[in-house]
Amino acid sequence: MRYSIIGSGAIGSAIAGHFAKANIPVSVANTRGPESLKTLADQLGSAIVPSDLTSALGADVVILAVPFEAVKDVLREGSSWSGRVIVDATNAIDFKTFGPADLGGIPSSAFVAKLAPHASVVKGFNHILARILAREPDDGRGYGRRTLFISGDQPEAKQIVVQLMERLGFAAIDLGKFSEGGLLHQYGGPLTSHSLVQQEMKGTGMADWDIIEH
């Protein structure tokens, strides 16, 4: 499976760091070209492959980590989305008010899905601050594994993303469809900025969650 990250800002770089630590090769691209990514690749190691935008958009799993207002132009560079997964790590922000952007009542990831016909879109990696996302998934304090929320309308695509998050060391919680639980973790939702850690309840095989930062 080929992975790519589109965007090398705070969120994209944080996600790239986890790929590097897990030694999972990932193409990273932005609108400025591969040369602009040399420093990031040097810092993180050989798992990070600077790529041009068109090539990176051809991956099996494309993690979209660009400003929401850039999504339309970026996805225009891709083609033949059928059978591929887009992980929407964007947040639809109205920077005049710093509230959620007015999308006419459409969940932000459903809006992204309209821009990439036939792609399987999953919301994820978006709900916590980049500086927290960049930390070790267990935070080094013995609490457990940091939780990442996902949502989407296609179960098979969500399972692919859950498996990726697990490989990166996180615990994933599926909130359901975009129009249901997905509204909880898109920008402005009640789970936005909450950082949860999953802990195994000793002797039960069950899990409990603590909010440790928000």
C-alpha atoms as a PDB file:
ATOM      1  CA  MET A   1       0.000   0.000   0.000  1.00  0.00           C
ATOM      2  CA  ARG A   2       1.336   3.399  -1.031  1.00  0.00           C
ATOM      3  CA  TYR A   3       0.864   6.317   1.358  1.00  0.00           C
ATOM      4  CA  SER A   4       1.253  10.041   0.810  1.00  0.00           C
ATOM      5  CA  ILE A   5       0.838  13.228   2.810  1.00  0.00           C
ATOM      6  CA  ILE A   6      -0.194  16.374   0.973  1.00  0.00           C
ATOM      7  CA  GLY A   7       0.964  19.357   2.998  1.00  0.00           C
ATOM      8  CA  SER A   8       4.099  19.998   5.020  1.00  0.00           C
ATOM      9  CA  GLY A   9       2.799  22.475   7.583  1.00  0.00           C
ATOM     10  CA  ALA A  10       2.290  21.718  11.256  1.00  0.00           C
ATOM     11  CA  ILE A  11      -0.216  18.869  10.814  1.00  0.00           C
ATOM     12  CA  GLY A  12       1.451  17.310   7.768  1.00  0.00           C
ATOM     13  CA  SER A  13       4.865  17.401   9.436  1.00  0.00           C
ATOM     14  CA  ALA A  14       3.469  15.893  12.654  1.00  0.00           C
ATOM     15  CA  ILE A  15       1.942  12.992  10.738  1.00  0.00           C
ATOM     16  CA  ALA A  16       5.137  12.529   8.718  1.00  0.00           C
ATOM     17  CA  GLY A  17       7.059  12.255  11.973  1.00  0.00           C
ATOM     18  CA  HIS A  18       4.968   9.257  13.015  1.00  0.00           C
ATOM     19  CA  PHE A  19       5.515   7.541   9.664  1.00  0.00           C
ATOM     20  CA  ALA A  20       9.243   8.053  10.132  1.00  0.00           C
ATOM     21  CA  LYS A  21       9.227   6.628  13.673  1.00  0.00           C
ATOM     22  CA  ALA A  22       7.267   3.590  12.470  1.00  0.00           C
ATOM     23  CA  ASN A  23       9.596   3.260   9.443  1.00  0.00           C
ATOM     24  CA  ILE A  24       6.657   3.316   7.032  1.00  0.00           C
ATOM     25  CA  PRO A  25       7.623   4.917   3.693  1.00  0.00           C
ATOM     26  CA  VAL A  26       5.456   7.887   2.773  1.00  0.00           C
ATOM     27  CA  SER A  27       5.575  10.391  -0.058  1.00  0.00           C
ATOM     28  CA  VAL A  28       5.266  14.001   1.088  1.00  0.00           C
ATOM     29  CA  ALA A  29       4.285  16.778  -1.295  1.00  0.00           C
ATOM     30  CA  ASN A  30       3.229  20.399  -1.250  1.00  0.00           C
ATOM     31  CA  THR A  31       2.548  23.089  -3.815  1.00  0.00           C
ATOM     32  CA  ARG A  32       6.142  24.372  -3.656  1.00  0.00           C
ATOM     33  CA  GLY A  33       7.810  21.247  -5.018  1.00  0.00           C
ATOM     34  CA  PRO A  34      10.077  18.447  -3.714  1.00  0.00           C
ATOM     35  CA  GLU A  35      13.113  20.707  -3.130  1.00  0.00           C
ATOM     36  CA  SER A  36      11.206  22.572  -0.422  1.00  0.00           C
ATOM     37  CA  LEU A  37      10.842  19.284   1.486  1.00  0.00           C
ATOM     38  CA  LYS A  38      14.536  18.406   1.672  1.00  0.00           C
ATOM     39  CA  THR A  39      14.957  19.804   5.185  1.00  0.00           C
ATOM     40  CA  LEU A  40      11.983  17.824   6.489  1.00  0.00           C
ATOM     41  CA  ALA A  41      13.313  14.624   4.908  1.00  0.00           C
ATOM     42  CA  ASP A  42      16.779  15.248   6.362  1.00  0.00           C
ATOM     43  CA  GLN A  43      15.286  15.753   9.818  1.00  0.00           C
ATOM     44  CA  LEU A  44      12.988  12.727   9.775  1.00  0.00           C
ATOM     45  CA  GLY A  45      14.940  10.176   7.765  1.00  0.00           C
ATOM     46  CA  SER A  46      14.679   7.925   4.750  1.00  0.00           C
ATOM     47  CA  ALA A  47      11.022   6.942   5.239  1.00  0.00           C
ATOM     48  CA  ILE A  48      10.085  10.462   4.112  1.00  0.00           C
ATOM     49  CA  VAL A  49      10.170  10.720   0.319  1.00  0.00           C
ATOM     50  CA  PRO A  50       9.842  14.256  -1.098  1.00  0.00           C
ATOM     51  CA  SER A  51       7.537  14.064  -4.104  1.00  0.00           C
ATOM     52  CA  ASP A  52       5.800  16.222  -6.643  1.00  0.00           C
ATOM     53  CA  LEU A  53       2.110  16.845  -6.085  1.00  0.00           C
ATOM     54  CA  THR A  54       0.827  14.811  -9.031  1.00  0.00           C
ATOM     55  CA  SER A  55       2.803  11.720  -8.033  1.00  0.00           C
ATOM     56  CA  ALA A  56       1.790  11.947  -4.373  1.00  0.00           C
ATOM     57  CA  LEU A  57      -1.882  12.277  -5.290  1.00  0.00           C
ATOM     58  CA  GLY A  58      -1.602   8.881  -6.987  1.00  0.00           C
ATOM     59  CA  ALA A  59      -1.015   6.987  -3.717  1.00  0.00           C
ATOM     60  CA  ASP A  60      -3.467   4.370  -2.448  1.00  0.00           C
ATOM     61  CA  VAL A  61      -4.010   6.391   0.740  1.00  0.00           C
ATOM     62  CA  VAL A  62      -3.682  10.174   0.454  1.00  0.00           C
ATOM     63  CA  ILE A  63      -3.603  12.156   3.698  1.00  0.00           C
ATOM     64  CA  LEU A  64      -4.836  15.663   2.955  1.00  0.00           C
ATOM     65  CA  ALA A  65      -3.163  18.086   5.383  1.00  0.00           C
ATOM     66  CA  VAL A  66      -3.441  21.438   3.607  1.00  0.00           C
ATOM     67  CA  PRO A  67      -5.437  24.537   4.575  1.00  0.00           C
ATOM     68  CA  PHE A  68      -9.103  23.921   3.810  1.00  0.00           C
ATOM     69  CA  GLU A  69      -9.222  26.777   1.321  1.00  0.00           C
ATOM     70  CA  ALA A  70      -6.513  25.028  -0.740  1.00  0.00           C
ATOM     71  CA  VAL A  71      -8.335  21.690  -0.964  1.00  0.00           C
ATOM     72  CA  LYS A  72     -10.170  22.428  -4.218  1.00  0.00           C
ATOM     73  CA  ASP A  73      -7.026  23.412  -6.115  1.00  0.00           C
ATOM     74  CA  VAL A  74      -4.989  20.508  -4.722  1.00  0.00           C
ATOM     75  CA  LEU A  75      -7.560  17.823  -5.513  1.00  0.00           C
ATOM     76  CA  ARG A  76      -7.955  19.212  -9.022  1.00  0.00           C
ATOM     77  CA  GLU A  77      -4.436  17.855  -9.681  1.00  0.00           C
ATOM     78  CA  GLY A  78      -5.549  14.289  -8.931  1.00  0.00           C
ATOM     79  CA  SER A  79      -7.480  11.892 -11.139  1.00  0.00           C
ATOM     80  CA  SER A  80      -9.050   8.421 -11.184  1.00  0.00           C
ATOM     81  CA  TRP A  81      -9.915   8.399  -7.489  1.00  0.00           C
ATOM     82  CA  SER A  82     -11.881   5.168  -7.734  1.00  0.00           C
ATOM     83  CA  GLY A  83     -10.657   2.533  -5.269  1.00  0.00           C
ATOM     84  CA  ARG A  84      -8.446   4.959  -3.344  1.00  0.00           C
ATOM     85  CA  VAL A  85      -8.729   6.553   0.087  1.00  0.00           C
ATOM     86  CA  ILE A  86      -8.414  10.217   1.026  1.00  0.00           C
ATOM     87  CA  VAL A  87      -7.863  10.921   4.716  1.00  0.00           C
ATOM     88  CA  ASP A  88      -9.235  14.400   5.337  1.00  0.00           C
ATOM     89  CA  ALA A  89      -7.072  15.993   8.031  1.00  0.00           C
ATOM     90  CA  THR A  90      -8.274  19.505   7.186  1.00  0.00           C
ATOM     91  CA  ASN A  91     -10.377  21.865   9.288  1.00  0.00           C
ATOM     92  CA  ALA A  92     -12.903  24.170   7.655  1.00  0.00           C
ATOM     93  CA  ILE A  93     -12.260  27.456   9.454  1.00  0.00           C
ATOM     94  CA  ASP A  94     -13.695  30.898   8.787  1.00  0.00           C
ATOM     95  CA  PHE A  95     -10.648  32.995   9.660  1.00  0.00           C
ATOM     96  CA  LYS A  96     -12.743  36.159   9.968  1.00  0.00           C
ATOM     97  CA  THR A  97     -14.516  34.731  13.004  1.00  0.00           C
ATOM     98  CA  PHE A  98     -12.318  31.698  13.797  1.00  0.00           C
ATOM     99  CA  GLY A  99     -15.531  29.704  13.783  1.00  0.00           C
ATOM    100  CA  PRO A 100     -16.557  26.880  11.452  1.00  0.00           C
ATOM    101  CA  ALA A 101     -16.778  27.849   7.773  1.00  0.00           C
ATOM    102  CA  ASP A 102     -20.294  28.072   6.353  1.00  0.00           C
ATOM    103  CA  LEU A 103     -20.614  25.078   4.021  1.00  0.00           C
ATOM    104  CA  GLY A 104     -24.382  25.234   3.739  1.00  0.00           C
ATOM    105  CA  GLY A 105     -24.937  22.564   6.358  1.00  0.00           C
ATOM    106  CA  ILE A 106     -22.730  19.974   4.629  1.00  0.00           C
ATOM    107  CA  PRO A 107     -20.184  18.177   6.845  1.00  0.00           C
ATOM    108  CA  SER A 108     -16.732  19.386   5.854  1.00  0.00           C
ATOM    109  CA  SER A 109     -15.489  15.949   4.778  1.00  0.00           C
ATOM    110  CA  ALA A 110     -18.616  15.399   2.670  1.00  0.00           C
ATOM    111  CA  PHE A 111     -17.683  18.680   0.974  1.00  0.00           C
ATOM    112  CA  VAL A 112     -14.182  17.288   0.331  1.00  0.00           C
ATOM    113  CA  ALA A 113     -15.694  14.067  -1.054  1.00  0.00           C
ATOM    114  CA  LYS A 114     -17.619  16.056  -3.652  1.00  0.00           C
ATOM    115  CA  LEU A 115     -14.317  17.412  -4.953  1.00  0.00           C
ATOM    116  CA  ALA A 116     -12.876  13.904  -5.469  1.00  0.00           C
ATOM    117  CA  PRO A 117     -15.578  11.796  -7.159  1.00  0.00           C
ATOM    118  CA  HIS A 118     -15.423   8.062  -6.396  1.00  0.00           C
ATOM    119  CA  ALA A 119     -12.769   8.471  -3.694  1.00  0.00           C
ATOM    120  CA  SER A 120     -13.403   6.919  -0.279  1.00  0.00           C
ATOM    121  CA  VAL A 121     -13.018   9.836   2.131  1.00  0.00           C
ATOM    122  CA  VAL A 122     -12.321   9.349   5.830  1.00  0.00           C
ATOM    123  CA  LYS A 123     -12.017  12.167   8.370  1.00  0.00           C
ATOM    124  CA  GLY A 124      -9.027  11.800  10.687  1.00  0.00           C
ATOM    125  CA  PHE A 125      -5.878  13.331  12.238  1.00  0.00           C
ATOM    126  CA  ASN A 126      -7.681  16.671  12.496  1.00  0.00           C
ATOM    127  CA  HIS A 127      -9.177  17.094  15.948  1.00  0.00           C
ATOM    128  CA  ILE A 128      -6.132  17.804  18.156  1.00  0.00           C
ATOM    129  CA  LEU A 129      -3.511  20.522  18.052  1.00  0.00           C
ATOM    130  CA  ALA A 130      -0.487  19.785  15.860  1.00  0.00           C
ATOM    131  CA  ARG A 131       1.929  20.096  18.782  1.00  0.00           C
ATOM    132  CA  ILE A 132       0.023  17.350  20.623  1.00  0.00           C
ATOM    133  CA  LEU A 133      -0.425  15.198  17.519  1.00  0.00           C
ATOM    134  CA  ALA A 134       3.356  15.315  17.020  1.00  0.00           C
ATOM    135  CA  ARG A 135       4.075  13.727  20.405  1.00  0.00           C
ATOM    136  CA  GLU A 136       4.666  10.032  20.983  1.00  0.00           C
ATOM    137  CA  PRO A 137       1.285   8.243  20.883  1.00  0.00           C
ATOM    138  CA  ASP A 138       1.727   6.996  24.464  1.00  0.00           C
ATOM    139  CA  ASP A 139       3.046  10.416  25.525  1.00  0.00           C
ATOM    140  CA  GLY A 140       5.830   8.671  27.444  1.00  0.00           C
ATOM    141  CA  ARG A 141       3.901   8.846  30.708  1.00  0.00           C
ATOM    142  CA  GLY A 142       2.384   5.389  30.879  1.00  0.00           C
ATOM    143  CA  TYR A 143      -1.233   6.487  30.471  1.00  0.00           C
ATOM    144  CA  GLY A 144      -1.909   4.357  27.400  1.00  0.00           C
ATOM    145  CA  ARG A 145      -2.295   5.240  23.726  1.00  0.00           C
ATOM    146  CA  ARG A 146      -3.448   8.588  22.405  1.00  0.00           C
ATOM    147  CA  THR A 147      -6.804   8.374  20.660  1.00  0.00           C
ATOM    148  CA  LEU A 148      -7.592   9.599  17.162  1.00  0.00           C
ATOM    149  CA  PHE A 149     -11.185   9.923  16.005  1.00  0.00           C
ATOM    150  CA  ILE A 150     -12.297   8.939  12.527  1.00  0.00           C
ATOM    151  CA  SER A 151     -15.556   9.137  10.618  1.00  0.00           C
ATOM    152  CA  GLY A 152     -16.725   8.273   7.137  1.00  0.00           C
ATOM    153  CA  ASP A 153     -19.466   6.687   5.104  1.00  0.00           C
ATOM    154  CA  GLN A 154     -17.505   3.662   3.786  1.00  0.00           C
ATOM    155  CA  PRO A 155     -16.614   0.979   6.360  1.00  0.00           C
ATOM    156  CA  GLU A 156     -13.842  -0.601   4.265  1.00  0.00           C
ATOM    157  CA  ALA A 157     -12.019   2.708   3.896  1.00  0.00           C
ATOM    158  CA  LYS A 158     -12.345   3.420   7.611  1.00  0.00           C
ATOM    159  CA  GLN A 159     -10.806   0.054   8.413  1.00  0.00           C
ATOM    160  CA  ILE A 160      -7.795   0.883   6.238  1.00  0.00           C
ATOM    161  CA  VAL A 161      -7.313   4.130   8.171  1.00  0.00           C
ATOM    162  CA  VAL A 162      -7.805   2.431  11.547  1.00  0.00           C
ATOM    163  CA  GLN A 163      -5.095  -0.095  10.646  1.00  0.00           C
ATOM    164  CA  LEU A 164      -2.746   2.724   9.625  1.00  0.00           C
ATOM    165  CA  MET A 165      -3.352   4.630  12.863  1.00  0.00           C
ATOM    166  CA  GLU A 166      -2.686   1.469  14.858  1.00  0.00           C
ATOM    167  CA  ARG A 167       0.594   0.926  12.985  1.00  0.00           C
ATOM    168  CA  LEU A 168       1.575   4.478  13.901  1.00  0.00           C
ATOM    169  CA  GLY A 169       0.918   3.677  17.556  1.00  0.00           C
ATOM    170  CA  PHE A 170      -2.452   5.378  18.090  1.00  0.00           C
ATOM    171  CA  ALA A 171      -5.824   4.044  19.226  1.00  0.00           C
ATOM    172  CA  ALA A 172      -8.631   4.853  16.779  1.00  0.00           C
ATOM    173  CA  ILE A 173     -12.285   5.456  17.629  1.00  0.00           C
ATOM    174  CA  ASP A 174     -14.819   5.274  14.797  1.00  0.00           C
ATOM    175  CA  LEU A 175     -17.557   7.868  15.347  1.00  0.00           C
ATOM    176  CA  GLY A 176     -19.715   6.698  12.452  1.00  0.00           C
ATOM    177  CA  LYS A 177     -20.880   8.538   9.357  1.00  0.00           C
ATOM    178  CA  PHE A 178     -20.035  12.138   8.468  1.00  0.00           C
ATOM    179  CA  SER A 179     -23.590  13.299   9.136  1.00  0.00           C
ATOM    180  CA  GLU A 180     -23.697  11.570  12.515  1.00  0.00           C
ATOM    181  CA  GLY A 181     -20.720  11.196  14.856  1.00  0.00           C
ATOM    182  CA  GLY A 182     -18.491  12.826  12.261  1.00  0.00           C
ATOM    183  CA  LEU A 183     -19.945  16.194  13.217  1.00  0.00           C
ATOM    184  CA  LEU A 184     -18.461  15.762  16.691  1.00  0.00           C
ATOM    185  CA  HIS A 185     -14.838  16.006  15.566  1.00  0.00           C
ATOM    186  CA  GLN A 186     -14.974  18.345  12.607  1.00  0.00           C
ATOM    187  CA  TYR A 187     -13.911  21.911  13.394  1.00  0.00           C
ATOM    188  CA  GLY A 188     -16.282  23.463  15.935  1.00  0.00           C
ATOM    189  CA  GLY A 189     -17.562  20.090  17.122  1.00  0.00           C
ATOM    190  CA  PRO A 190     -17.550  19.188  20.823  1.00  0.00           C
ATOM    191  CA  LEU A 191     -14.584  16.823  20.471  1.00  0.00           C
ATOM    192  CA  THR A 192     -12.385  19.378  18.720  1.00  0.00           C
ATOM    193  CA  SER A 193      -9.080  19.899  20.594  1.00  0.00           C
ATOM    194  CA  HIS A 194      -9.804  17.158  23.169  1.00  0.00           C
ATOM    195  CA  SER A 195      -6.827  14.836  23.606  1.00  0.00           C
ATOM    196  CA  LEU A 196      -7.903  11.450  24.923  1.00  0.00           C
ATOM    197  CA  VAL A 197      -5.769   8.494  25.947  1.00  0.00           C
ATOM    198  CA  GLN A 198      -7.054   4.926  25.852  1.00  0.00           C
ATOM    199  CA  GLN A 199      -6.153   2.804  28.873  1.00  0.00           C
ATOM    200  CA  GLU A 200      -6.693  -0.911  29.196  1.00  0.00           C
ATOM    201  CA  MET A 201      -8.652  -1.816  32.305  1.00  0.00           C
ATOM    202  CA  LYS A 202      -6.503  -4.456  33.983  1.00  0.00           C
ATOM    203  CA  GLY A 203      -7.900  -7.964  33.923  1.00  0.00           C
ATOM    204  CA  THR A 204     -10.997  -7.043  31.887  1.00  0.00           C
ATOM    205  CA  GLY A 205      -9.731  -6.763  28.315  1.00  0.00           C
ATOM    206  CA  MET A 206     -11.804  -3.572  28.104  1.00  0.00           C
ATOM    207  CA  ALA A 207     -10.687   0.007  27.590  1.00  0.00           C
ATOM    208  CA  ASP A 208     -11.259   3.252  29.412  1.00  0.00           C
ATOM    209  CA  TRP A 209     -10.496   6.803  28.234  1.00  0.00           C
ATOM    210  CA  ASP A 210      -9.106   9.853  30.003  1.00  0.00           C
ATOM    211  CA  ILE A 211      -9.046  13.400  28.701  1.00  0.00           C
ATOM    212  CA  ILE A 212      -5.525  14.544  29.506  1.00  0.00           C
ATOM    213  CA  GLU A 213      -5.335  17.794  27.514  1.00  0.00           C
ATOM    214  CA  HIS A 214      -7.643  20.070  25.558  1.00  0.00           C
END
